[in-house]
Amino acid sequence: MGGLQTTAVIILIALLALLALIVFRKPTKFVLKLLLSTVLGFIALFVLNFLGGLIGIFIAVNWINAAIVGILGLPGIALLLLIEWLSWL
């Protein structure tokens, strides 16, 4: 009987997990999209620092800056450059 109860519990947990995925599908999509945007922001910052090093442009590569660049795109890069420029004044 112990094996049957264990199997029933595993099936119940799997069904509850499936139900949770269905209910939280949209928020999960949002989180995954945000994560992908942040990764793309990291890549953009690395490229910017590589190419910008030739003319003296540097933006710190961290999670916050990557999320800003990933979410806002080109305006995010402009915002970070503006903040960096204002810190030099």
PDB file of N, CA and C in Angstrom:
ATOM      1  N   MET A   1       0.812  -1.188   0.000  1.00  0.00           N
ATOM      2  CA  MET A   1       0.000   0.000   0.000  1.00  0.00           C
ATOM      3  C   MET A   1       0.859   1.256   0.000  1.00  0.00           C
ATOM      4  N   GLY A   2       2.026   1.202   0.558  1.00  0.00           N
ATOM      5  CA  GLY A   2       2.885   2.381   0.648  1.00  0.00           C
ATOM      6  C   GLY A   2       3.270   2.918  -0.722  1.00  0.00           C
ATOM      7  N   GLY A   3       3.533   2.013  -1.687  1.00  0.00           N
ATOM      8  CA  GLY A   3       3.907   2.431  -3.032  1.00  0.00           C
ATOM      9  C   GLY A   3       2.761   3.117  -3.754  1.00  0.00           C
ATOM     10  N   LEU A   4       1.537   2.635  -3.523  1.00  0.00           N
ATOM     11  CA  LEU A   4       0.362   3.223  -4.157  1.00  0.00           C
ATOM     12  C   LEU A   4       0.098   4.621  -3.621  1.00  0.00           C
ATOM     13  N   GLN A   5       0.273   4.801  -2.314  1.00  0.00           N
ATOM     14  CA  GLN A   5       0.083   6.122  -1.713  1.00  0.00           C
ATOM     15  C   GLN A   5       1.137   7.097  -2.221  1.00  0.00           C
ATOM     16  N   THR A   6       2.370   6.649  -2.351  1.00  0.00           N
ATOM     17  CA  THR A   6       3.440   7.503  -2.849  1.00  0.00           C
ATOM     18  C   THR A   6       3.151   7.934  -4.281  1.00  0.00           C
ATOM     19  N   THR A   7       2.691   7.004  -5.094  1.00  0.00           N
ATOM     20  CA  THR A   7       2.355   7.320  -6.484  1.00  0.00           C
ATOM     21  C   THR A   7       1.203   8.329  -6.533  1.00  0.00           C
ATOM     22  N   ALA A   8       0.217   8.155  -5.691  1.00  0.00           N
ATOM     23  CA  ALA A   8      -0.925   9.075  -5.655  1.00  0.00           C
ATOM     24  C   ALA A   8      -0.477  10.477  -5.245  1.00  0.00           C
ATOM     25  N   VAL A   9       0.415  10.559  -4.282  1.00  0.00           N
ATOM     26  CA  VAL A   9       0.931  11.858  -3.841  1.00  0.00           C
ATOM     27  C   VAL A   9       1.727  12.514  -4.961  1.00  0.00           C
ATOM     28  N   ILE A  10       2.550  11.767  -5.676  1.00  0.00           N
ATOM     29  CA  ILE A  10       3.344  12.317  -6.781  1.00  0.00           C
ATOM     30  C   ILE A  10       2.430  12.838  -7.883  1.00  0.00           C
ATOM     31  N   ILE A  11       1.370  12.065  -8.205  1.00  0.00           N
ATOM     32  CA  ILE A  11       0.419  12.509  -9.232  1.00  0.00           C
ATOM     33  C   ILE A  11      -0.307  13.769  -8.774  1.00  0.00           C
ATOM     34  N   LEU A  12      -0.703  13.822  -7.525  1.00  0.00           N
ATOM     35  CA  LEU A  12      -1.375  15.000  -6.988  1.00  0.00           C
ATOM     36  C   LEU A  12      -0.467  16.225  -7.033  1.00  0.00           C
ATOM     37  N   ILE A  13       0.785  16.066  -6.669  1.00  0.00           N
ATOM     38  CA  ILE A  13       1.743  17.178  -6.714  1.00  0.00           C
ATOM     39  C   ILE A  13       1.953  17.635  -8.155  1.00  0.00           C
ATOM     40  N   ALA A  14       2.051  16.696  -9.086  1.00  0.00           N
ATOM     41  CA  ALA A  14       2.217  17.045 -10.499  1.00  0.00           C
ATOM     42  C   ALA A  14       1.008  17.816 -11.013  1.00  0.00           C
ATOM     43  N   LEU A  15      -0.186  17.406 -10.639  1.00  0.00           N
ATOM     44  CA  LEU A  15      -1.398  18.113 -11.058  1.00  0.00           C
ATOM     45  C   LEU A  15      -1.460  19.515 -10.453  1.00  0.00           C
ATOM     46  N   LEU A  16      -1.089  19.639  -9.195  1.00  0.00           N
ATOM     47  CA  LEU A  16      -1.064  20.958  -8.559  1.00  0.00           C
ATOM     48  C   LEU A  16      -0.016  21.869  -9.208  1.00  0.00           C
ATOM     49  N   ALA A  17       1.132  21.306  -9.564  1.00  0.00           N
ATOM     50  CA  ALA A  17       2.159  22.092 -10.245  1.00  0.00           C
ATOM     51  C   ALA A  17       1.669  22.551 -11.609  1.00  0.00           C
ATOM     52  N   LEU A  18       0.978  21.672 -12.331  1.00  0.00           N
ATOM     53  CA  LEU A  18       0.419  22.030 -13.629  1.00  0.00           C
ATOM     54  C   LEU A  18      -0.635  23.125 -13.476  1.00  0.00           C
ATOM     55  N   LEU A  19      -1.463  23.017 -12.479  1.00  0.00           N
ATOM     56  CA  LEU A  19      -2.465  24.038 -12.209  1.00  0.00           C
ATOM     57  C   LEU A  19      -1.801  25.378 -11.877  1.00  0.00           C
ATOM     58  N   ALA A  20      -0.759  25.345 -11.085  1.00  0.00           N
ATOM     59  CA  ALA A  20      -0.039  26.573 -10.737  1.00  0.00           C
ATOM     60  C   ALA A  20       0.578  27.207 -11.975  1.00  0.00           C
ATOM     61  N   LEU A  21       1.129  26.397 -12.869  1.00  0.00           N
ATOM     62  CA  LEU A  21       1.692  26.931 -14.109  1.00  0.00           C
ATOM     63  C   LEU A  21       0.622  27.588 -14.971  1.00  0.00           C
ATOM     64  N   ILE A  22      -0.543  26.991 -15.014  1.00  0.00           N
ATOM     65  CA  ILE A  22      -1.635  27.571 -15.800  1.00  0.00           C
ATOM     66  C   ILE A  22      -2.090  28.892 -15.186  1.00  0.00           C
ATOM     67  N   VAL A  23      -2.240  28.930 -13.877  1.00  0.00           N
ATOM     68  CA  VAL A  23      -2.709  30.138 -13.204  1.00  0.00           C
ATOM     69  C   VAL A  23      -1.675  31.258 -13.302  1.00  0.00           C
ATOM     70  N   PHE A  24      -0.400  30.934 -13.110  1.00  0.00           N
ATOM     71  CA  PHE A  24       0.660  31.948 -13.088  1.00  0.00           C
ATOM     72  C   PHE A  24       1.381  32.069 -14.427  1.00  0.00           C
ATOM     73  N   ARG A  25       0.729  31.696 -15.498  1.00  0.00           N
ATOM     74  CA  ARG A  25       1.372  31.684 -16.810  1.00  0.00           C
ATOM     75  C   ARG A  25       1.806  33.074 -17.250  1.00  0.00           C
ATOM     76  N   LYS A  26       0.942  34.036 -17.130  1.00  0.00           N
ATOM     77  CA  LYS A  26       1.285  35.391 -17.560  1.00  0.00           C
ATOM     78  C   LYS A  26       2.404  35.988 -16.717  1.00  0.00           C
ATOM     79  N   PRO A  27       2.344  35.926 -15.393  1.00  0.00           N
ATOM     80  CA  PRO A  27       3.471  36.464 -14.626  1.00  0.00           C
ATOM     81  C   PRO A  27       4.787  35.739 -14.934  1.00  0.00           C
ATOM     82  N   THR A  28       4.719  34.438 -15.206  1.00  0.00           N
ATOM     83  CA  THR A  28       5.924  33.685 -15.527  1.00  0.00           C
ATOM     84  C   THR A  28       6.490  34.168 -16.853  1.00  0.00           C
ATOM     85  N   LYS A  29       5.610  34.418 -17.831  1.00  0.00           N
ATOM     86  CA  LYS A  29       6.061  34.955 -19.109  1.00  0.00           C
ATOM     87  C   LYS A  29       6.738  36.309 -18.908  1.00  0.00           C
ATOM     88  N   PHE A  30       6.168  37.143 -18.037  1.00  0.00           N
ATOM     89  CA  PHE A  30       6.745  38.453 -17.767  1.00  0.00           C
ATOM     90  C   PHE A  30       8.130  38.329 -17.157  1.00  0.00           C
ATOM     91  N   VAL A  31       8.270  37.448 -16.193  1.00  0.00           N
ATOM     92  CA  VAL A  31       9.563  37.256 -15.531  1.00  0.00           C
ATOM     93  C   VAL A  31      10.590  36.716 -16.515  1.00  0.00           C
ATOM     94  N   LEU A  32      10.195  35.754 -17.347  1.00  0.00           N
ATOM     95  CA  LEU A  32      11.132  35.213 -18.333  1.00  0.00           C
ATOM     96  C   LEU A  32      11.517  36.263 -19.368  1.00  0.00           C
ATOM     97  N   LYS A  33      10.572  37.093 -19.777  1.00  0.00           N
ATOM     98  CA  LYS A  33      10.869  38.174 -20.726  1.00  0.00           C
ATOM     99  C   LYS A  33      11.815  39.188 -20.088  1.00  0.00           C
ATOM    100  N   LEU A  34      11.591  39.519 -18.824  1.00  0.00           N
ATOM    101  CA  LEU A  34      12.466  40.440 -18.116  1.00  0.00           C
ATOM    102  C   LEU A  34      13.871  39.856 -17.982  1.00  0.00           C
ATOM    103  N   LEU A  35      13.969  38.573 -17.693  1.00  0.00           N
ATOM    104  CA  LEU A  35      15.264  37.909 -17.580  1.00  0.00           C
ATOM    105  C   LEU A  35      15.995  37.922 -18.915  1.00  0.00           C
ATOM    106  N   LEU A  36      15.285  37.628 -19.998  1.00  0.00           N
ATOM    107  CA  LEU A  36      15.892  37.656 -21.328  1.00  0.00           C
ATOM    108  C   LEU A  36      16.351  39.067 -21.679  1.00  0.00           C
ATOM    109  N   SER A  37      15.538  40.071 -21.368  1.00  0.00           N
ATOM    110  CA  SER A  37      15.923  41.457 -21.631  1.00  0.00           C
ATOM    111  C   SER A  37      17.170  41.840 -20.848  1.00  0.00           C
ATOM    112  N   THR A  38      17.270  41.378 -19.619  1.00  0.00           N
ATOM    113  CA  THR A  38      18.440  41.684 -18.798  1.00  0.00           C
ATOM    114  C   THR A  38      19.692  41.030 -19.377  1.00  0.00           C
ATOM    115  N   VAL A  39      19.577  39.805 -19.839  1.00  0.00           N
ATOM    116  CA  VAL A  39      20.721  39.130 -20.467  1.00  0.00           C
ATOM    117  C   VAL A  39      21.149  39.878 -21.717  1.00  0.00           C
ATOM    118  N   LEU A  40      20.182  40.305 -22.525  1.00  0.00           N
ATOM    119  CA  LEU A  40      20.513  41.093 -23.715  1.00  0.00           C
ATOM    120  C   LEU A  40      21.131  42.435 -23.328  1.00  0.00           C
ATOM    121  N   GLY A  41      20.686  42.998 -22.204  1.00  0.00           N
ATOM    122  CA  GLY A  41      21.287  44.235 -21.694  1.00  0.00           C
ATOM    123  C   GLY A  41      22.745  44.028 -21.307  1.00  0.00           C
ATOM    124  N   PHE A  42      23.053  42.887 -20.687  1.00  0.00           N
ATOM    125  CA  PHE A  42      24.443  42.552 -20.358  1.00  0.00           C
ATOM    126  C   PHE A  42      25.293  42.511 -21.620  1.00  0.00           C
ATOM    127  N   ILE A  43      24.776  41.852 -22.635  1.00  0.00           N
ATOM    128  CA  ILE A  43      25.518  41.740 -23.891  1.00  0.00           C
ATOM    129  C   ILE A  43      25.739  43.123 -24.493  1.00  0.00           C
ATOM    130  N   ALA A  44      24.700  43.951 -24.480  1.00  0.00           N
ATOM    131  CA  ALA A  44      24.817  45.300 -25.026  1.00  0.00           C
ATOM    132  C   ALA A  44      25.845  46.122 -24.252  1.00  0.00           C
ATOM    133  N   LEU A  45      25.877  45.980 -22.935  1.00  0.00           N
ATOM    134  CA  LEU A  45      26.857  46.725 -22.132  1.00  0.00           C
ATOM    135  C   LEU A  45      28.277  46.257 -22.423  1.00  0.00           C
ATOM    136  N   PHE A  46      28.475  44.961 -22.580  1.00  0.00           N
ATOM    137  CA  PHE A  46      29.808  44.457 -22.917  1.00  0.00           C
ATOM    138  C   PHE A  46      30.265  44.990 -24.272  1.00  0.00           C
ATOM    139  N   VAL A  47      29.355  44.980 -25.246  1.00  0.00           N
ATOM    140  CA  VAL A  47      29.696  45.498 -26.578  1.00  0.00           C
ATOM    141  C   VAL A  47      29.980  46.991 -26.500  1.00  0.00           C
ATOM    142  N   LEU A  48      29.145  47.723 -25.770  1.00  0.00           N
ATOM    143  CA  LEU A  48      29.355  49.168 -25.621  1.00  0.00           C
ATOM    144  C   LEU A  48      30.688  49.468 -24.958  1.00  0.00           C
ATOM    145  N   ASN A  49      31.033  48.720 -23.933  1.00  0.00           N
ATOM    146  CA  ASN A  49      32.301  48.958 -23.249  1.00  0.00           C
ATOM    147  C   ASN A  49      33.485  48.579 -24.130  1.00  0.00           C
ATOM    148  N   PHE A  50      33.318  47.532 -24.937  1.00  0.00           N
ATOM    149  CA  PHE A  50      34.399  47.130 -25.830  1.00  0.00           C
ATOM    150  C   PHE A  50      34.640  48.201 -26.897  1.00  0.00           C
ATOM    151  N   LEU A  51      33.566  48.615 -27.553  1.00  0.00           N
ATOM    152  CA  LEU A  51      33.696  49.622 -28.602  1.00  0.00           C
ATOM    153  C   LEU A  51      33.890  51.027 -28.026  1.00  0.00           C
ATOM    154  N   GLY A  52      33.240  51.307 -26.915  1.00  0.00           N
ATOM    155  CA  GLY A  52      33.357  52.624 -26.291  1.00  0.00           C
ATOM    156  C   GLY A  52      34.716  52.866 -25.666  1.00  0.00           C
ATOM    157  N   GLY A  53      35.447  51.796 -25.370  1.00  0.00           N
ATOM    158  CA  GLY A  53      36.791  51.951 -24.816  1.00  0.00           C
ATOM    159  C   GLY A  53      37.719  52.669 -25.774  1.00  0.00           C
ATOM    160  N   LEU A  54      37.414  52.599 -27.053  1.00  0.00           N
ATOM    161  CA  LEU A  54      38.230  53.281 -28.054  1.00  0.00           C
ATOM    162  C   LEU A  54      38.085  54.796 -27.964  1.00  0.00           C
ATOM    163  N   ILE A  55      36.926  55.266 -27.491  1.00  0.00           N
ATOM    164  CA  ILE A  55      36.717  56.711 -27.391  1.00  0.00           C
ATOM    165  C   ILE A  55      36.512  57.177 -25.951  1.00  0.00           C
ATOM    166  N   GLY A  56      36.685  56.287 -25.000  1.00  0.00           N
ATOM    167  CA  GLY A  56      36.639  56.669 -23.591  1.00  0.00           C
ATOM    168  C   GLY A  56      35.275  56.564 -22.936  1.00  0.00           C
ATOM    169  N   ILE A  57      34.365  55.812 -23.516  1.00  0.00           N
ATOM    170  CA  ILE A  57      33.038  55.612 -22.914  1.00  0.00           C
ATOM    171  C   ILE A  57      33.051  54.300 -22.138  1.00  0.00           C
ATOM    172  N   PHE A  58      32.568  54.362 -20.896  1.00  0.00           N
ATOM    173  CA  PHE A  58      32.514  53.160 -20.063  1.00  0.00           C
ATOM    174  C   PHE A  58      31.283  53.234 -19.185  1.00  0.00           C
ATOM    175  N   ILE A  59      30.504  52.173 -19.158  1.00  0.00           N
ATOM    176  CA  ILE A  59      29.361  52.031 -18.252  1.00  0.00           C
ATOM    177  C   ILE A  59      29.574  50.745 -17.478  1.00  0.00           C
ATOM    178  N   ALA A  60      29.432  50.828 -16.158  1.00  0.00           N
ATOM    179  CA  ALA A  60      29.631  49.648 -15.318  1.00  0.00           C
ATOM    180  C   ALA A  60      28.656  48.538 -15.723  1.00  0.00           C
ATOM    181  N   VAL A  61      29.143  47.309 -15.734  1.00  0.00           N
ATOM    182  CA  VAL A  61      28.313  46.154 -16.084  1.00  0.00           C
ATOM    183  C   VAL A  61      27.844  45.515 -14.775  1.00  0.00           C
ATOM    184  N   ASN A  62      26.558  45.699 -14.473  1.00  0.00           N
ATOM    185  CA  ASN A  62      25.956  45.071 -13.303  1.00  0.00           C
ATOM    186  C   ASN A  62      24.486  44.781 -13.614  1.00  0.00           C
ATOM    187  N   TRP A  63      23.795  44.116 -12.700  1.00  0.00           N
ATOM    188  CA  TRP A  63      22.418  43.697 -12.949  1.00  0.00           C
ATOM    189  C   TRP A  63      21.491  44.880 -13.160  1.00  0.00           C
ATOM    190  N   ILE A  64      21.660  45.939 -12.395  1.00  0.00           N
ATOM    191  CA  ILE A  64      20.764  47.093 -12.510  1.00  0.00           C
ATOM    192  C   ILE A  64      20.924  47.762 -13.864  1.00  0.00           C
ATOM    193  N   ASN A  65      22.167  48.036 -14.259  1.00  0.00           N
ATOM    194  CA  ASN A  65      22.410  48.659 -15.560  1.00  0.00           C
ATOM    195  C   ASN A  65      21.943  47.758 -16.699  1.00  0.00           C
ATOM    196  N   ALA A  66      22.163  46.465 -16.563  1.00  0.00           N
ATOM    197  CA  ALA A  66      21.729  45.531 -17.602  1.00  0.00           C
ATOM    198  C   ALA A  66      20.202  45.511 -17.710  1.00  0.00           C
ATOM    199  N   ALA A  67      19.510  45.557 -16.589  1.00  0.00           N
ATOM    200  CA  ALA A  67      18.045  45.586 -16.617  1.00  0.00           C
ATOM    201  C   ALA A  67      17.547  46.882 -17.243  1.00  0.00           C
ATOM    202  N   ILE A  68      18.193  48.011 -16.923  1.00  0.00           N
ATOM    203  CA  ILE A  68      17.808  49.294 -17.515  1.00  0.00           C
ATOM    204  C   ILE A  68      17.977  49.252 -19.025  1.00  0.00           C
ATOM    205  N   VAL A  69      19.128  48.775 -19.482  1.00  0.00           N
ATOM    206  CA  VAL A  69      19.386  48.691 -20.920  1.00  0.00           C
ATOM    207  C   VAL A  69      18.456  47.664 -21.571  1.00  0.00           C
ATOM    208  N   GLY A  70      18.224  46.547 -20.914  1.00  0.00           N
ATOM    209  CA  GLY A  70      17.356  45.513 -21.474  1.00  0.00           C
ATOM    210  C   GLY A  70      15.915  45.957 -21.600  1.00  0.00           C
ATOM    211  N   ILE A  71      15.431  46.717 -20.633  1.00  0.00           N
ATOM    212  CA  ILE A  71      14.038  47.157 -20.659  1.00  0.00           C
ATOM    213  C   ILE A  71      13.857  48.370 -21.560  1.00  0.00           C
ATOM    214  N   LEU A  72      14.739  49.355 -21.431  1.00  0.00           N
ATOM    215  CA  LEU A  72      14.569  50.599 -22.172  1.00  0.00           C
ATOM    216  C   LEU A  72      15.248  50.604 -23.536  1.00  0.00           C
ATOM    217  N   GLY A  73      16.215  49.726 -23.735  1.00  0.00           N
ATOM    218  CA  GLY A  73      16.920  49.690 -25.017  1.00  0.00           C
ATOM    219  C   GLY A  73      17.867  50.858 -25.181  1.00  0.00           C
ATOM    220  N   LEU A  74      17.867  51.470 -26.371  1.00  0.00           N
ATOM    221  CA  LEU A  74      18.759  52.585 -26.672  1.00  0.00           C
ATOM    222  C   LEU A  74      18.551  53.777 -25.724  1.00  0.00           C
ATOM    223  N   PRO A  75      17.309  54.141 -25.387  1.00  0.00           N
ATOM    224  CA  PRO A  75      17.138  55.210 -24.401  1.00  0.00           C
ATOM    225  C   PRO A  75      17.758  54.863 -23.035  1.00  0.00           C
ATOM    226  N   GLY A  76      17.792  53.581 -22.694  1.00  0.00           N
ATOM    227  CA  GLY A  76      18.434  53.165 -21.446  1.00  0.00           C
ATOM    228  C   GLY A  76      19.932  53.407 -21.482  1.00  0.00           C
ATOM    229  N   ILE A  77      20.548  53.134 -22.631  1.00  0.00           N
ATOM    230  CA  ILE A  77      21.979  53.419 -22.782  1.00  0.00           C
ATOM    231  C   ILE A  77      22.212  54.912 -22.671  1.00  0.00           C
ATOM    232  N   ALA A  78      21.360  55.702 -23.328  1.00  0.00           N
ATOM    233  CA  ALA A  78      21.489  57.160 -23.261  1.00  0.00           C
ATOM    234  C   ALA A  78      21.327  57.656 -21.825  1.00  0.00           C
ATOM    235  N   LEU A  79      20.379  57.082 -21.099  1.00  0.00           N
ATOM    236  CA  LEU A  79      20.166  57.461 -19.698  1.00  0.00           C
ATOM    237  C   LEU A  79      21.394  57.155 -18.853  1.00  0.00           C
ATOM    238  N   LEU A  80      21.966  55.966 -19.019  1.00  0.00           N
ATOM    239  CA  LEU A  80      23.152  55.598 -18.247  1.00  0.00           C
ATOM    240  C   LEU A  80      24.349  56.476 -18.615  1.00  0.00           C
ATOM    241  N   LEU A  81      24.482  56.802 -19.898  1.00  0.00           N
ATOM    242  CA  LEU A  81      25.572  57.703 -20.313  1.00  0.00           C
ATOM    243  C   LEU A  81      25.374  59.093 -19.723  1.00  0.00           C
ATOM    244  N   LEU A  82      24.130  59.561 -19.679  1.00  0.00           N
ATOM    245  CA  LEU A  82      23.841  60.863 -19.080  1.00  0.00           C
ATOM    246  C   LEU A  82      24.164  60.861 -17.589  1.00  0.00           C
ATOM    247  N   ILE A  83      23.785  59.811 -16.902  1.00  0.00           N
ATOM    248  CA  ILE A  83      24.079  59.705 -15.463  1.00  0.00           C
ATOM    249  C   ILE A  83      25.591  59.664 -15.246  1.00  0.00           C
ATOM    250  N   GLU A  84      26.307  58.919 -16.094  1.00  0.00           N
ATOM    251  CA  GLU A  84      27.766  58.848 -15.984  1.00  0.00           C
ATOM    252  C   GLU A  84      28.380  60.219 -16.239  1.00  0.00           C
ATOM    253  N   TRP A  85      27.871  60.929 -17.244  1.00  0.00           N
ATOM    254  CA  TRP A  85      28.395  62.254 -17.568  1.00  0.00           C
ATOM    255  C   TRP A  85      28.124  63.237 -16.423  1.00  0.00           C
ATOM    256  N   LEU A  86      26.925  63.169 -15.818  1.00  0.00           N
ATOM    257  CA  LEU A  86      26.597  64.058 -14.704  1.00  0.00           C
ATOM    258  C   LEU A  86      27.458  63.772 -13.471  1.00  0.00           C
ATOM    259  N   SER A  87      27.885  62.541 -13.313  1.00  0.00           N
ATOM    260  CA  SER A  87      28.724  62.212 -12.153  1.00  0.00           C
ATOM    261  C   SER A  87      30.127  62.823 -12.300  1.00  0.00           C
ATOM    262  N   TRP A  88      30.520  63.163 -13.523  1.00  0.00           N
ATOM    263  CA  TRP A  88      31.827  63.776 -13.733  1.00  0.00           C
ATOM    264  C   TRP A  88      31.812  65.278 -13.490  1.00  0.00           C
ATOM    265  N   LEU A  89      30.608  65.887 -13.419  1.00  0.00           N
ATOM    266  CA  LEU A  89      30.522  67.338 -13.209  1.00  0.00           C
ATOM    267  C   LEU A  89      30.776  67.726 -11.789  1.00  0.00           C
TER     268      LEU A  89
END
